Amino acid sequence: MSGRQGGKAKPLKAPKKEKKELDDEDKAFQERKKAEAAARKELAAKAAKGGPLATGGIKKCVS
């Protein structure tokens, strides 16, 4: 057994990604994703406040 065989292996480094030039479609897609994420976050905040989202379901008759 030599040196580090028993120890934890060091992870390999990934090559650096080249920055791509974003065209109009990519920019629009990213803006749409940001808007959807903001809307989802807002809905989650409203749901966290409490109260039922839907008032349907099975109800018992108390007559």
C-alpha atoms as a PDB file:
ATOM      1  CA  MET A   1       0.000   0.000   0.000  1.00  0.00           C
ATOM      2  CA  SER A   2       1.355   3.336  -0.944  1.00  0.00           C
ATOM      3  CA  GLY A   3       0.636   6.847   0.305  1.00  0.00           C
ATOM      4  CA  ARG A   4      -3.027   7.789   0.081  1.00  0.00           C
ATOM      5  CA  GLN A   5      -4.775   4.641  -1.050  1.00  0.00           C
ATOM      6  CA  GLY A   6      -6.499   4.153   2.303  1.00  0.00           C
ATOM      7  CA  GLY A   7      -7.558   7.785   2.647  1.00  0.00           C
ATOM      8  CA  LYS A   8     -10.299   9.820   1.076  1.00  0.00           C
ATOM      9  CA  ALA A   9      -9.741  10.432  -2.625  1.00  0.00           C
ATOM     10  CA  LYS A  10      -9.459  14.042  -3.718  1.00  0.00           C
ATOM     11  CA  PRO A  11     -12.231  15.053  -6.144  1.00  0.00           C
ATOM     12  CA  LEU A  12     -11.228  15.884  -9.677  1.00  0.00           C
ATOM     13  CA  LYS A  13     -11.461  19.520 -10.652  1.00  0.00           C
ATOM     14  CA  ALA A  14     -13.995  20.325 -13.340  1.00  0.00           C
ATOM     15  CA  PRO A  15     -12.745  22.447 -16.232  1.00  0.00           C
ATOM     16  CA  LYS A  16     -13.835  26.065 -16.125  1.00  0.00           C
ATOM     17  CA  LYS A  17     -16.907  26.818 -18.200  1.00  0.00           C
ATOM     18  CA  GLU A  18     -16.589  29.380 -20.914  1.00  0.00           C
ATOM     19  CA  LYS A  19     -18.995  32.267 -20.631  1.00  0.00           C
ATOM     20  CA  LYS A  20     -21.405  32.260 -23.530  1.00  0.00           C
ATOM     21  CA  GLU A  21     -22.838  35.304 -25.183  1.00  0.00           C
ATOM     22  CA  LEU A  22     -26.559  35.372 -24.425  1.00  0.00           C
ATOM     23  CA  ASP A  23     -28.858  36.184 -27.297  1.00  0.00           C
ATOM     24  CA  ASP A  24     -32.323  37.741 -26.989  1.00  0.00           C
ATOM     25  CA  GLU A  25     -34.087  34.377 -26.629  1.00  0.00           C
ATOM     26  CA  ASP A  26     -31.856  33.327 -23.740  1.00  0.00           C
ATOM     27  CA  LYS A  27     -32.323  36.668 -21.986  1.00  0.00           C
ATOM     28  CA  ALA A  28     -36.104  36.454 -22.406  1.00  0.00           C
ATOM     29  CA  PHE A  29     -36.103  32.889 -21.072  1.00  0.00           C
ATOM     30  CA  GLN A  30     -34.122  33.917 -17.985  1.00  0.00           C
ATOM     31  CA  GLU A  31     -36.448  36.868 -17.334  1.00  0.00           C
ATOM     32  CA  ARG A  32     -39.468  34.560 -17.653  1.00  0.00           C
ATOM     33  CA  LYS A  33     -37.917  32.102 -15.187  1.00  0.00           C
ATOM     34  CA  LYS A  34     -37.271  34.921 -12.705  1.00  0.00           C
ATOM     35  CA  ALA A  35     -40.866  36.154 -13.055  1.00  0.00           C
ATOM     36  CA  GLU A  36     -42.263  32.649 -12.532  1.00  0.00           C
ATOM     37  CA  ALA A  37     -40.066  32.130  -9.467  1.00  0.00           C
ATOM     38  CA  ALA A  38     -41.230  35.453  -8.008  1.00  0.00           C
ATOM     39  CA  ALA A  39     -44.885  34.544  -8.648  1.00  0.00           C
ATOM     40  CA  ARG A  40     -44.383  31.122  -7.031  1.00  0.00           C
ATOM     41  CA  LYS A  41     -42.746  32.750  -4.009  1.00  0.00           C
ATOM     42  CA  GLU A  42     -45.627  35.209  -3.698  1.00  0.00           C
ATOM     43  CA  LEU A  43     -48.206  32.407  -3.851  1.00  0.00           C
ATOM     44  CA  ALA A  44     -46.292  30.452  -1.226  1.00  0.00           C
ATOM     45  CA  ALA A  45     -46.297  33.514   1.039  1.00  0.00           C
ATOM     46  CA  LYS A  46     -50.056  33.892   0.597  1.00  0.00           C
ATOM     47  CA  ALA A  47     -50.590  30.206   1.350  1.00  0.00           C
ATOM     48  CA  ALA A  48     -48.401  30.441   4.455  1.00  0.00           C
ATOM     49  CA  LYS A  49     -50.614  33.191   5.908  1.00  0.00           C
ATOM     50  CA  GLY A  50     -53.282  30.609   6.515  1.00  0.00           C
ATOM     51  CA  GLY A  51     -56.787  29.901   5.452  1.00  0.00           C
ATOM     52  CA  PRO A  52     -58.042  27.301   3.053  1.00  0.00           C
ATOM     53  CA  LEU A  53     -57.130  27.668  -0.585  1.00  0.00           C
ATOM     54  CA  ALA A  54     -60.212  25.757  -1.715  1.00  0.00           C
ATOM     55  CA  THR A  55     -63.432  25.658   0.282  1.00  0.00           C
ATOM     56  CA  GLY A  56     -64.861  22.521  -1.309  1.00  0.00           C
ATOM     57  CA  GLY A  57     -64.813  18.967  -0.142  1.00  0.00           C
ATOM     58  CA  ILE A  58     -67.122  16.631   1.744  1.00  0.00           C
ATOM     59  CA  LYS A  59     -69.264  18.321   4.342  1.00  0.00           C
ATOM     60  CA  LYS A  60     -71.348  16.644   6.993  1.00  0.00           C
ATOM     61  CA  CYS A  61     -74.913  17.648   7.526  1.00  0.00           C
ATOM     62  CA  VAL A  62     -75.485  18.629  11.177  1.00  0.00           C
ATOM     63  CA  SER A  63     -79.301  18.624  11.185  1.00  0.00           C
END
